[in-house]
Amino acid sequence: MVLWRSTIAGRAGASVCLERIKKLSQMGDFTIIRANPTIEYIFSELYTVPERIRQGYIRVKVLELLLVFTGIDMGEEQPEHQYFSGNQIAAVKEIRAFLVEHYNEHYTIEYLAEHFEISPTVMKKCFKGVYGDSIYSYMKQYRLQISERLLRESQLTMGEIAAKVGYLNPNKFTSAFCAEYGMPPSVYRRKSLNG
């Protein structure tokens, strides 16, 4: 671990500014940095790296993230800060865990608010503040990510995958998948198997 720290400070010291990163982390009670395409790309690659090189690969990705954080302009106008209490954040995390566990079911905002004893308005704002998206959009993307994995790793039919991720209408599933991945699920499966 000491070697890793000296590598960041030593070899990459000209590029990675730990002081800037420290200041960035002290801008408020907590710091949320929305994933931009660069950050999303860095994290997406971590899911496909072979086990034999994973440890070294993760070190490289950490260095990449530090470089990205170094480049964040702290002077640019920050969006209006919203404060959420620890209880509100804890409730939203519980809601997310519940939804992820029951991803094939659909729940109304009213049901979730009542079930987790939180105001619907606060719940929606806090969820978006913590996870960067509305509950509906977050779960839609989560379901489609599961369906994408099932297309690659299972022999389930399109209808079975649609039902498994909570789409009662396979056509709606196909439309949502096309909008997210730019191709129908059948084409995606064929390409992933051949490519």
N, C-alpha and C. Protein backbone atom coordinates (compact mmCIF):
# COMPACT_ATOMS: atom_id res chain seq x y z
N MET A 1 0.82 -1.20 0.00
CA MET A 1 0.00 0.00 0.00
C MET A 1 0.86 1.25 0.00
N VAL A 2 1.94 1.25 0.75
CA VAL A 2 2.82 2.42 0.79
C VAL A 2 3.42 2.66 -0.59
N LEU A 3 3.79 1.56 -1.28
CA LEU A 3 4.34 1.67 -2.63
C LEU A 3 3.34 2.33 -3.56
N TRP A 4 2.07 1.96 -3.43
CA TRP A 4 1.02 2.53 -4.28
C TRP A 4 0.89 4.03 -4.04
N ARG A 5 0.92 4.43 -2.78
CA ARG A 5 0.82 5.86 -2.48
C ARG A 5 2.00 6.62 -3.06
N SER A 6 3.21 6.06 -2.92
CA SER A 6 4.37 6.77 -3.45
C SER A 6 4.32 6.81 -4.97
N THR A 7 3.73 5.81 -5.60
CA THR A 7 3.60 5.82 -7.05
C THR A 7 2.72 6.98 -7.48
N ILE A 8 1.60 7.18 -6.80
CA ILE A 8 0.71 8.29 -7.16
C ILE A 8 1.42 9.62 -6.92
N ALA A 9 2.03 9.76 -5.76
CA ALA A 9 2.65 11.04 -5.42
C ALA A 9 3.94 11.25 -6.22
N GLY A 10 4.67 10.17 -6.47
CA GLY A 10 5.95 10.30 -7.14
C GLY A 10 5.84 10.39 -8.64
N ARG A 11 5.60 9.29 -9.30
CA ARG A 11 5.59 9.25 -10.76
C ARG A 11 4.51 10.12 -11.37
N ALA A 12 3.34 10.10 -10.78
CA ALA A 12 2.23 10.84 -11.37
C ALA A 12 2.05 12.20 -10.72
N GLY A 13 2.98 12.58 -9.82
CA GLY A 13 2.84 13.82 -9.08
C GLY A 13 2.65 15.05 -9.95
N ALA A 14 3.21 15.04 -11.15
CA ALA A 14 3.07 16.19 -12.03
C ALA A 14 1.65 16.32 -12.57
N SER A 15 0.91 15.21 -12.58
CA SER A 15 -0.43 15.22 -13.15
C SER A 15 -1.52 15.17 -12.08
N VAL A 16 -1.34 14.32 -11.08
CA VAL A 16 -2.35 14.16 -10.04
C VAL A 16 -2.03 15.12 -8.90
N CYS A 17 -2.97 15.99 -8.61
CA CYS A 17 -2.78 16.97 -7.54
C CYS A 17 -3.65 16.57 -6.35
N LEU A 18 -3.04 15.90 -5.38
CA LEU A 18 -3.80 15.42 -4.23
C LEU A 18 -4.37 16.58 -3.41
N GLU A 19 -3.72 17.74 -3.43
CA GLU A 19 -4.23 18.91 -2.72
C GLU A 19 -5.56 19.35 -3.31
N ARG A 20 -5.66 19.38 -4.66
CA ARG A 20 -6.94 19.75 -5.32
C ARG A 20 -8.03 18.76 -4.97
N ILE A 21 -7.68 17.50 -4.95
CA ILE A 21 -8.66 16.46 -4.63
C ILE A 21 -9.12 16.62 -3.18
N LYS A 22 -8.18 16.91 -2.29
CA LYS A 22 -8.53 17.13 -0.88
C LYS A 22 -9.49 18.32 -0.75
N LYS A 23 -9.20 19.43 -1.46
CA LYS A 23 -10.08 20.60 -1.42
C LYS A 23 -11.46 20.26 -1.97
N LEU A 24 -11.49 19.49 -3.03
CA LEU A 24 -12.76 19.09 -3.63
C LEU A 24 -13.60 18.32 -2.63
N SER A 25 -12.95 17.46 -1.85
CA SER A 25 -13.69 16.65 -0.88
C SER A 25 -14.14 17.45 0.34
N GLN A 26 -13.63 18.66 0.51
CA GLN A 26 -13.98 19.48 1.67
C GLN A 26 -14.93 20.63 1.32
N MET A 27 -15.60 20.53 0.16
CA MET A 27 -16.47 21.62 -0.28
C MET A 27 -17.76 21.68 0.52
N GLY A 28 -18.13 20.62 1.19
CA GLY A 28 -19.37 20.63 1.96
C GLY A 28 -19.38 19.43 2.89
N ASP A 29 -20.56 19.17 3.48
CA ASP A 29 -20.69 18.02 4.38
C ASP A 29 -20.43 16.73 3.63
N PHE A 30 -20.82 16.70 2.37
CA PHE A 30 -20.57 15.54 1.52
C PHE A 30 -20.36 16.07 0.10
N THR A 31 -19.72 15.28 -0.70
CA THR A 31 -19.46 15.68 -2.07
C THR A 31 -20.02 14.63 -3.00
N ILE A 32 -20.91 15.05 -3.89
CA ILE A 32 -21.44 14.16 -4.91
C ILE A 32 -20.90 14.66 -6.24
N ILE A 33 -20.23 13.78 -6.94
CA ILE A 33 -19.74 14.13 -8.27
C ILE A 33 -20.50 13.26 -9.25
N ARG A 34 -21.29 13.90 -10.08
CA ARG A 34 -22.08 13.18 -11.07
C ARG A 34 -21.16 12.50 -12.07
N ALA A 35 -21.50 11.28 -12.43
CA ALA A 35 -20.70 10.56 -13.41
C ALA A 35 -20.87 11.20 -14.77
N ASN A 36 -19.75 11.57 -15.36
CA ASN A 36 -19.76 12.04 -16.74
C ASN A 36 -19.34 10.86 -17.61
N PRO A 37 -19.34 10.98 -18.92
CA PRO A 37 -18.97 9.83 -19.77
C PRO A 37 -17.60 9.25 -19.45
N THR A 38 -16.64 10.10 -19.08
CA THR A 38 -15.30 9.60 -18.75
C THR A 38 -15.34 8.72 -17.52
N ILE A 39 -16.01 9.19 -16.46
CA ILE A 39 -16.10 8.41 -15.22
C ILE A 39 -16.89 7.12 -15.46
N GLU A 40 -17.99 7.19 -16.20
CA GLU A 40 -18.77 5.99 -16.50
C GLU A 40 -17.92 4.97 -17.25
N TYR A 41 -17.12 5.43 -18.19
CA TYR A 41 -16.26 4.54 -18.97
C TYR A 41 -15.24 3.85 -18.06
N ILE A 42 -14.62 4.61 -17.16
CA ILE A 42 -13.63 4.04 -16.25
C ILE A 42 -14.26 2.92 -15.43
N PHE A 43 -15.45 3.16 -14.88
CA PHE A 43 -16.09 2.14 -14.07
C PHE A 43 -16.60 0.96 -14.91
N SER A 44 -17.10 1.23 -16.10
CA SER A 44 -17.65 0.14 -16.93
C SER A 44 -16.59 -0.88 -17.28
N GLU A 45 -15.35 -0.45 -17.45
CA GLU A 45 -14.28 -1.38 -17.80
C GLU A 45 -13.95 -2.34 -16.65
N LEU A 46 -14.24 -1.95 -15.42
CA LEU A 46 -13.93 -2.80 -14.27
C LEU A 46 -14.74 -4.10 -14.27
N TYR A 47 -15.88 -4.12 -14.96
CA TYR A 47 -16.75 -5.31 -14.94
C TYR A 47 -16.26 -6.40 -15.89
N THR A 48 -15.36 -6.07 -16.80
CA THR A 48 -14.96 -7.05 -17.81
C THR A 48 -13.51 -7.49 -17.70
N VAL A 49 -12.77 -6.96 -16.75
CA VAL A 49 -11.35 -7.29 -16.65
C VAL A 49 -11.16 -8.72 -16.13
N PRO A 50 -10.26 -9.48 -16.74
CA PRO A 50 -9.99 -10.85 -16.27
C PRO A 50 -9.43 -10.85 -14.85
N GLU A 51 -9.76 -11.87 -14.09
CA GLU A 51 -9.37 -11.97 -12.69
C GLU A 51 -7.85 -11.91 -12.51
N ARG A 52 -7.09 -12.50 -13.41
CA ARG A 52 -5.64 -12.59 -13.26
C ARG A 52 -4.95 -11.23 -13.27
N ILE A 53 -5.57 -10.22 -13.87
CA ILE A 53 -4.95 -8.88 -13.90
C ILE A 53 -5.77 -7.84 -13.15
N ARG A 54 -6.81 -8.28 -12.46
CA ARG A 54 -7.75 -7.34 -11.83
C ARG A 54 -7.08 -6.38 -10.86
N GLN A 55 -6.20 -6.88 -9.99
CA GLN A 55 -5.62 -6.00 -8.96
C GLN A 55 -4.82 -4.85 -9.59
N GLY A 56 -3.97 -5.15 -10.53
CA GLY A 56 -3.20 -4.10 -11.20
C GLY A 56 -4.08 -3.18 -12.01
N TYR A 57 -5.10 -3.75 -12.63
CA TYR A 57 -6.02 -2.97 -13.45
C TYR A 57 -6.77 -1.96 -12.60
N ILE A 58 -7.20 -2.39 -11.42
CA ILE A 58 -7.92 -1.48 -10.51
C ILE A 58 -7.01 -0.33 -10.10
N ARG A 59 -5.74 -0.60 -9.89
CA ARG A 59 -4.80 0.46 -9.53
C ARG A 59 -4.70 1.50 -10.65
N VAL A 60 -4.66 1.02 -11.88
CA VAL A 60 -4.60 1.93 -13.02
C VAL A 60 -5.88 2.78 -13.07
N LYS A 61 -7.03 2.17 -12.83
CA LYS A 61 -8.31 2.88 -12.88
C LYS A 61 -8.41 3.91 -11.75
N VAL A 62 -7.86 3.58 -10.57
CA VAL A 62 -7.85 4.55 -9.47
C VAL A 62 -7.03 5.76 -9.88
N LEU A 63 -5.89 5.53 -10.51
CA LEU A 63 -5.06 6.64 -10.98
C LEU A 63 -5.82 7.47 -12.02
N GLU A 64 -6.55 6.80 -12.92
CA GLU A 64 -7.36 7.53 -13.90
C GLU A 64 -8.39 8.41 -13.21
N LEU A 65 -9.07 7.86 -12.20
CA LEU A 65 -10.07 8.64 -11.47
C LEU A 65 -9.42 9.84 -10.77
N LEU A 66 -8.26 9.64 -10.18
CA LEU A 66 -7.56 10.76 -9.54
C LEU A 66 -7.22 11.84 -10.55
N LEU A 67 -6.83 11.45 -11.75
CA LEU A 67 -6.55 12.43 -12.80
C LEU A 67 -7.82 13.21 -13.18
N VAL A 68 -8.94 12.49 -13.29
CA VAL A 68 -10.21 13.14 -13.61
C VAL A 68 -10.59 14.11 -12.50
N PHE A 69 -10.45 13.69 -11.24
CA PHE A 69 -10.79 14.55 -10.12
C PHE A 69 -9.88 15.77 -10.05
N THR A 70 -8.62 15.59 -10.41
CA THR A 70 -7.69 16.72 -10.45
C THR A 70 -8.16 17.77 -11.44
N GLY A 71 -8.76 17.31 -12.53
CA GLY A 71 -9.19 18.23 -13.58
C GLY A 71 -10.52 18.91 -13.34
N ILE A 72 -11.23 18.54 -12.28
CA ILE A 72 -12.53 19.17 -12.01
C ILE A 72 -12.31 20.62 -11.61
N ASP A 73 -13.02 21.50 -12.27
CA ASP A 73 -12.90 22.93 -12.01
C ASP A 73 -13.77 23.30 -10.82
N MET A 74 -13.13 23.54 -9.68
CA MET A 74 -13.87 23.87 -8.47
C MET A 74 -14.45 25.27 -8.51
N GLY A 75 -13.98 26.09 -9.46
CA GLY A 75 -14.47 27.45 -9.57
C GLY A 75 -15.77 27.54 -10.36
N GLU A 76 -16.08 26.48 -11.12
CA GLU A 76 -17.30 26.56 -11.92
C GLU A 76 -18.51 26.57 -11.02
N GLU A 77 -19.55 27.18 -11.50
CA GLU A 77 -20.74 27.36 -10.68
C GLU A 77 -21.33 26.01 -10.30
N GLN A 78 -21.49 25.80 -9.02
CA GLN A 78 -22.03 24.54 -8.51
C GLN A 78 -23.55 24.62 -8.49
N PRO A 79 -24.22 23.48 -8.75
CA PRO A 79 -25.67 23.50 -8.66
C PRO A 79 -26.11 23.82 -7.22
N GLU A 80 -27.31 24.33 -7.10
CA GLU A 80 -27.81 24.70 -5.78
C GLU A 80 -27.72 23.52 -4.83
N HIS A 81 -27.14 23.75 -3.68
CA HIS A 81 -26.92 22.69 -2.70
C HIS A 81 -28.23 22.39 -1.98
N GLN A 82 -28.54 21.13 -1.88
CA GLN A 82 -29.71 20.72 -1.11
C GLN A 82 -29.23 19.89 0.06
N TYR A 83 -29.80 20.14 1.21
CA TYR A 83 -29.41 19.38 2.40
C TYR A 83 -30.43 18.28 2.63
N PHE A 84 -29.93 17.08 2.88
CA PHE A 84 -30.78 15.96 3.25
C PHE A 84 -30.24 15.42 4.57
N SER A 85 -31.14 15.16 5.49
CA SER A 85 -30.73 14.65 6.79
C SER A 85 -30.23 13.22 6.65
N GLY A 86 -29.51 12.77 7.66
CA GLY A 86 -29.04 11.39 7.69
C GLY A 86 -30.19 10.40 7.61
N ASN A 87 -31.31 10.73 8.27
CA ASN A 87 -32.48 9.84 8.24
C ASN A 87 -33.09 9.75 6.85
N GLN A 88 -33.13 10.90 6.15
CA GLN A 88 -33.68 10.90 4.79
C GLN A 88 -32.80 10.09 3.85
N ILE A 89 -31.49 10.27 3.97
CA ILE A 89 -30.57 9.52 3.12
C ILE A 89 -30.66 8.03 3.43
N ALA A 90 -30.75 7.68 4.72
CA ALA A 90 -30.89 6.27 5.10
C ALA A 90 -32.18 5.69 4.53
N ALA A 91 -33.28 6.45 4.58
CA ALA A 91 -34.56 5.97 4.04
C ALA A 91 -34.46 5.74 2.54
N VAL A 92 -33.80 6.66 1.83
CA VAL A 92 -33.66 6.53 0.38
C VAL A 92 -32.79 5.32 0.04
N LYS A 93 -31.76 5.07 0.85
CA LYS A 93 -30.92 3.89 0.61
C LYS A 93 -31.73 2.61 0.84
N GLU A 94 -32.58 2.62 1.84
CA GLU A 94 -33.47 1.47 2.08
C GLU A 94 -34.43 1.28 0.91
N ILE A 95 -34.96 2.38 0.41
CA ILE A 95 -35.89 2.32 -0.73
C ILE A 95 -35.18 1.73 -1.94
N ARG A 96 -33.97 2.20 -2.21
CA ARG A 96 -33.21 1.67 -3.35
C ARG A 96 -32.96 0.17 -3.17
N ALA A 97 -32.54 -0.24 -1.98
CA ALA A 97 -32.27 -1.66 -1.72
C ALA A 97 -33.54 -2.50 -1.92
N PHE A 98 -34.66 -1.97 -1.45
CA PHE A 98 -35.95 -2.65 -1.61
C PHE A 98 -36.30 -2.79 -3.09
N LEU A 99 -36.16 -1.70 -3.85
CA LEU A 99 -36.50 -1.72 -5.27
C LEU A 99 -35.58 -2.66 -6.06
N VAL A 100 -34.30 -2.65 -5.73
CA VAL A 100 -33.35 -3.52 -6.42
C VAL A 100 -33.66 -4.99 -6.12
N GLU A 101 -34.03 -5.26 -4.88
CA GLU A 101 -34.39 -6.63 -4.50
C GLU A 101 -35.66 -7.09 -5.22
N HIS A 102 -36.59 -6.17 -5.45
CA HIS A 102 -37.87 -6.48 -6.10
C HIS A 102 -37.94 -5.81 -7.48
N TYR A 103 -36.84 -5.89 -8.23
CA TYR A 103 -36.73 -5.14 -9.50
C TYR A 103 -37.77 -5.54 -10.53
N ASN A 104 -38.34 -6.72 -10.43
CA ASN A 104 -39.32 -7.15 -11.43
C ASN A 104 -40.74 -6.70 -11.08
N GLU A 105 -40.89 -5.98 -9.98
CA GLU A 105 -42.20 -5.46 -9.59
C GLU A 105 -42.18 -3.93 -9.70
N HIS A 106 -43.36 -3.35 -9.79
CA HIS A 106 -43.47 -1.90 -9.91
C HIS A 106 -44.23 -1.35 -8.71
N TYR A 107 -43.69 -0.30 -8.11
CA TYR A 107 -44.29 0.32 -6.93
C TYR A 107 -44.53 1.79 -7.21
N THR A 108 -45.62 2.30 -6.70
CA THR A 108 -45.92 3.72 -6.87
C THR A 108 -45.12 4.54 -5.87
N ILE A 109 -44.96 5.80 -6.17
CA ILE A 109 -44.30 6.74 -5.26
C ILE A 109 -45.05 6.78 -3.93
N GLU A 110 -46.38 6.79 -4.02
CA GLU A 110 -47.21 6.86 -2.82
C GLU A 110 -46.99 5.63 -1.93
N TYR A 111 -46.93 4.45 -2.54
CA TYR A 111 -46.70 3.23 -1.77
C TYR A 111 -45.34 3.29 -1.06
N LEU A 112 -44.30 3.66 -1.81
CA LEU A 112 -42.95 3.71 -1.24
C LEU A 112 -42.88 4.73 -0.10
N ALA A 113 -43.48 5.91 -0.32
CA ALA A 113 -43.46 6.96 0.70
C ALA A 113 -44.14 6.49 1.98
N GLU A 114 -45.28 5.84 1.82
CA GLU A 114 -46.02 5.36 2.99
C GLU A 114 -45.27 4.22 3.67
N HIS A 115 -44.78 3.28 2.86
CA HIS A 115 -44.10 2.10 3.39
C HIS A 115 -42.81 2.48 4.14
N PHE A 116 -42.09 3.48 3.65
CA PHE A 116 -40.83 3.87 4.27
C PHE A 116 -40.94 5.14 5.11
N GLU A 117 -42.18 5.59 5.30
CA GLU A 117 -42.49 6.73 6.19
C GLU A 117 -41.65 7.96 5.86
N ILE A 118 -41.79 8.41 4.62
CA ILE A 118 -41.08 9.60 4.14
C ILE A 118 -42.02 10.35 3.20
N SER A 119 -41.92 11.65 3.19
CA SER A 119 -42.75 12.46 2.30
C SER A 119 -42.42 12.12 0.84
N PRO A 120 -43.43 11.98 -0.02
CA PRO A 120 -43.15 11.69 -1.44
C PRO A 120 -42.23 12.72 -2.09
N THR A 121 -42.44 14.00 -1.77
CA THR A 121 -41.62 15.05 -2.37
C THR A 121 -40.17 14.94 -1.90
N VAL A 122 -39.97 14.77 -0.61
CA VAL A 122 -38.62 14.64 -0.06
C VAL A 122 -37.97 13.37 -0.61
N MET A 123 -38.73 12.29 -0.69
CA MET A 123 -38.20 11.03 -1.20
C MET A 123 -37.68 11.20 -2.63
N LYS A 124 -38.48 11.85 -3.48
CA LYS A 124 -38.08 12.03 -4.88
C LYS A 124 -36.84 12.91 -4.99
N LYS A 125 -36.82 14.01 -4.24
CA LYS A 125 -35.67 14.92 -4.30
C LYS A 125 -34.42 14.27 -3.73
N CYS A 126 -34.56 13.58 -2.62
CA CYS A 126 -33.42 12.95 -1.98
C CYS A 126 -32.88 11.80 -2.84
N PHE A 127 -33.77 11.01 -3.42
CA PHE A 127 -33.33 9.90 -4.28
C PHE A 127 -32.51 10.45 -5.45
N LYS A 128 -33.02 11.50 -6.06
CA LYS A 128 -32.31 12.10 -7.19
C LYS A 128 -30.98 12.71 -6.73
N GLY A 129 -30.97 13.31 -5.54
CA GLY A 129 -29.75 13.89 -5.01
C GLY A 129 -28.68 12.84 -4.72
N VAL A 130 -29.10 11.69 -4.23
CA VAL A 130 -28.15 10.63 -3.87
C VAL A 130 -27.75 9.80 -5.09
N TYR A 131 -28.72 9.44 -5.92
CA TYR A 131 -28.46 8.50 -7.02
C TYR A 131 -28.40 9.16 -8.40
N GLY A 132 -28.69 10.47 -8.46
CA GLY A 132 -28.51 11.19 -9.71
C GLY A 132 -29.60 11.00 -10.74
N ASP A 133 -30.68 10.34 -10.39
CA ASP A 133 -31.76 10.11 -11.32
C ASP A 133 -33.06 9.90 -10.55
N SER A 134 -34.17 10.03 -11.26
CA SER A 134 -35.46 9.78 -10.61
C SER A 134 -35.57 8.28 -10.32
N ILE A 135 -36.47 7.94 -9.42
CA ILE A 135 -36.68 6.53 -9.07
C ILE A 135 -37.07 5.74 -10.33
N TYR A 136 -37.99 6.28 -11.11
CA TYR A 136 -38.45 5.59 -12.32
C TYR A 136 -37.29 5.35 -13.29
N SER A 137 -36.52 6.39 -13.59
CA SER A 137 -35.41 6.26 -14.55
C SER A 137 -34.33 5.33 -14.02
N TYR A 138 -34.03 5.44 -12.73
CA TYR A 138 -33.01 4.58 -12.12
C TYR A 138 -33.39 3.12 -12.26
N MET A 139 -34.65 2.80 -11.94
CA MET A 139 -35.09 1.39 -11.98
C MET A 139 -35.22 0.90 -13.42
N LYS A 140 -35.62 1.77 -14.33
CA LYS A 140 -35.70 1.37 -15.73
C LYS A 140 -34.32 0.96 -16.22
N GLN A 141 -33.32 1.79 -15.93
CA GLN A 141 -31.96 1.48 -16.36
C GLN A 141 -31.45 0.22 -15.66
N TYR A 142 -31.76 0.05 -14.39
CA TYR A 142 -31.34 -1.13 -13.64
C TYR A 142 -31.93 -2.40 -14.27
N ARG A 143 -33.21 -2.36 -14.58
CA ARG A 143 -33.86 -3.52 -15.21
C ARG A 143 -33.23 -3.85 -16.56
N LEU A 144 -32.93 -2.80 -17.33
CA LEU A 144 -32.33 -3.03 -18.65
C LEU A 144 -30.91 -3.58 -18.52
N GLN A 145 -30.18 -3.18 -17.50
CA GLN A 145 -28.85 -3.75 -17.28
C GLN A 145 -28.94 -5.24 -16.94
N ILE A 146 -29.94 -5.60 -16.15
CA ILE A 146 -30.14 -7.02 -15.84
C ILE A 146 -30.52 -7.78 -17.11
N SER A 147 -31.41 -7.20 -17.90
CA SER A 147 -31.83 -7.87 -19.14
C SER A 147 -30.64 -8.04 -20.08
N GLU A 148 -29.77 -7.04 -20.14
CA GLU A 148 -28.58 -7.12 -20.99
C GLU A 148 -27.69 -8.28 -20.56
N ARG A 149 -27.52 -8.44 -19.26
CA ARG A 149 -26.72 -9.56 -18.74
C ARG A 149 -27.39 -10.90 -19.05
N LEU A 150 -28.71 -10.95 -18.88
CA LEU A 150 -29.44 -12.19 -19.17
C LEU A 150 -29.35 -12.56 -20.65
N LEU A 151 -29.37 -11.57 -21.52
CA LEU A 151 -29.23 -11.84 -22.95
C LEU A 151 -27.88 -12.48 -23.26
N ARG A 152 -26.84 -12.04 -22.57
CA ARG A 152 -25.50 -12.57 -22.80
C ARG A 152 -25.27 -13.91 -22.13
N GLU A 153 -25.87 -14.11 -20.93
CA GLU A 153 -25.48 -15.24 -20.10
C GLU A 153 -26.53 -16.34 -19.95
N SER A 154 -27.74 -16.14 -20.49
CA SER A 154 -28.77 -17.16 -20.31
C SER A 154 -29.34 -17.59 -21.66
N GLN A 155 -30.13 -18.63 -21.61
CA GLN A 155 -30.81 -19.13 -22.80
C GLN A 155 -32.30 -18.76 -22.78
N LEU A 156 -32.68 -17.86 -21.87
CA LEU A 156 -34.09 -17.46 -21.77
C LEU A 156 -34.54 -16.78 -23.05
N THR A 157 -35.81 -16.94 -23.38
CA THR A 157 -36.36 -16.27 -24.55
C THR A 157 -36.54 -14.78 -24.26
N MET A 158 -36.78 -13.99 -25.30
CA MET A 158 -36.98 -12.55 -25.12
C MET A 158 -38.18 -12.30 -24.20
N GLY A 159 -39.25 -13.05 -24.39
CA GLY A 159 -40.45 -12.90 -23.56
C GLY A 159 -40.17 -13.23 -22.10
N GLU A 160 -39.38 -14.29 -21.87
CA GLU A 160 -39.04 -14.68 -20.50
C GLU A 160 -38.17 -13.61 -19.83
N ILE A 161 -37.23 -13.06 -20.59
CA ILE A 161 -36.37 -12.00 -20.03
C ILE A 161 -37.20 -10.75 -19.74
N ALA A 162 -38.09 -10.41 -20.66
CA ALA A 162 -38.96 -9.24 -20.45
C ALA A 162 -39.76 -9.40 -19.15
N ALA A 163 -40.37 -10.58 -18.98
CA ALA A 163 -41.17 -10.84 -17.77
C ALA A 163 -40.30 -10.83 -16.52
N LYS A 164 -39.10 -11.40 -16.63
CA LYS A 164 -38.21 -11.50 -15.48
C LYS A 164 -37.80 -10.12 -14.96
N VAL A 165 -37.68 -9.14 -15.86
CA VAL A 165 -37.28 -7.79 -15.43
C VAL A 165 -38.48 -6.84 -15.28
N GLY A 166 -39.69 -7.40 -15.29
CA GLY A 166 -40.86 -6.59 -14.94
C GLY A 166 -41.63 -5.99 -16.10
N TYR A 167 -41.37 -6.43 -17.32
CA TYR A 167 -42.13 -5.94 -18.47
C TYR A 167 -43.18 -6.98 -18.83
N LEU A 168 -44.44 -6.62 -18.63
CA LEU A 168 -45.52 -7.54 -18.99
C LEU A 168 -45.72 -7.59 -20.50
N ASN A 169 -45.36 -6.52 -21.17
CA ASN A 169 -45.50 -6.43 -22.62
C ASN A 169 -44.11 -6.52 -23.26
N PRO A 170 -43.81 -7.62 -23.98
CA PRO A 170 -42.49 -7.77 -24.60
C PRO A 170 -42.15 -6.65 -25.59
N ASN A 171 -43.18 -6.08 -26.24
CA ASN A 171 -42.93 -4.98 -27.18
C ASN A 171 -42.40 -3.73 -26.45
N LYS A 172 -42.94 -3.46 -25.26
CA LYS A 172 -42.45 -2.33 -24.48
C LYS A 172 -41.01 -2.58 -24.03
N PHE A 173 -40.73 -3.83 -23.69
CA PHE A 173 -39.36 -4.19 -23.32
C PHE A 173 -38.42 -3.95 -24.50
N THR A 174 -38.81 -4.39 -25.68
CA THR A 174 -37.97 -4.21 -26.88
C THR A 174 -37.75 -2.74 -27.17
N SER A 175 -38.81 -1.93 -27.05
CA SER A 175 -38.67 -0.48 -27.28
C SER A 175 -37.72 0.15 -26.28
N ALA A 176 -37.86 -0.20 -25.00
CA ALA A 176 -36.99 0.36 -23.96
C ALA A 176 -35.55 -0.08 -24.18
N PHE A 177 -35.36 -1.34 -24.54
CA PHE A 177 -34.01 -1.87 -24.78
C PHE A 177 -33.36 -1.15 -25.97
N CYS A 178 -34.13 -0.98 -27.04
CA CYS A 178 -33.62 -0.26 -28.23
C CYS A 178 -33.21 1.16 -27.88
N ALA A 179 -34.03 1.83 -27.08
CA ALA A 179 -33.72 3.21 -26.71
C ALA A 179 -32.42 3.28 -25.90
N GLU A 180 -32.16 2.28 -25.07
CA GLU A 180 -30.97 2.28 -24.21
C GLU A 180 -29.72 1.79 -24.94
N TYR A 181 -29.87 0.72 -25.74
CA TYR A 181 -28.69 0.07 -26.33
C TYR A 181 -28.57 0.25 -27.85
N GLY A 182 -29.55 0.92 -28.46
CA GLY A 182 -29.46 1.21 -29.88
C GLY A 182 -29.73 0.05 -30.81
N MET A 183 -30.27 -1.04 -30.28
CA MET A 183 -30.61 -2.21 -31.11
C MET A 183 -31.60 -3.09 -30.35
N PRO A 184 -32.38 -3.89 -31.08
CA PRO A 184 -33.31 -4.79 -30.40
C PRO A 184 -32.55 -5.84 -29.58
N PRO A 185 -33.19 -6.40 -28.56
CA PRO A 185 -32.51 -7.39 -27.72
C PRO A 185 -32.04 -8.61 -28.51
N SER A 186 -32.80 -9.03 -29.52
CA SER A 186 -32.40 -10.21 -30.30
C SER A 186 -31.09 -9.94 -31.05
N VAL A 187 -30.94 -8.74 -31.59
CA VAL A 187 -29.71 -8.37 -32.30
C VAL A 187 -28.55 -8.28 -31.31
N TYR A 188 -28.83 -7.70 -30.14
CA TYR A 188 -27.80 -7.58 -29.11
C TYR A 188 -27.29 -8.96 -28.71
N ARG A 189 -28.21 -9.90 -28.51
CA ARG A 189 -27.81 -11.26 -28.13
C ARG A 189 -26.95 -11.89 -29.21
N ARG A 190 -27.39 -11.75 -30.43
CA ARG A 190 -26.65 -12.35 -31.55
C ARG A 190 -25.23 -11.78 -31.62
N LYS A 191 -25.12 -10.45 -31.49
CA LYS A 191 -23.80 -9.81 -31.54
C LYS A 191 -22.92 -10.21 -30.37
N SER A 192 -23.50 -10.33 -29.17
CA SER A 192 -22.70 -10.68 -28.00
C SER A 192 -22.22 -12.13 -28.07
N LEU A 193 -23.00 -12.99 -28.70
CA LEU A 193 -22.60 -14.39 -28.85
C LEU A 193 -21.53 -14.55 -29.93
N ASN A 194 -21.60 -13.73 -30.97
CA ASN A 194 -20.65 -13.84 -32.07
C ASN A 194 -19.40 -13.01 -31.89
N GLY A 195 -19.48 -12.05 -30.98
CA GLY A 195 -18.41 -11.10 -30.97
C GLY A 195 -17.52 -11.00 -29.86
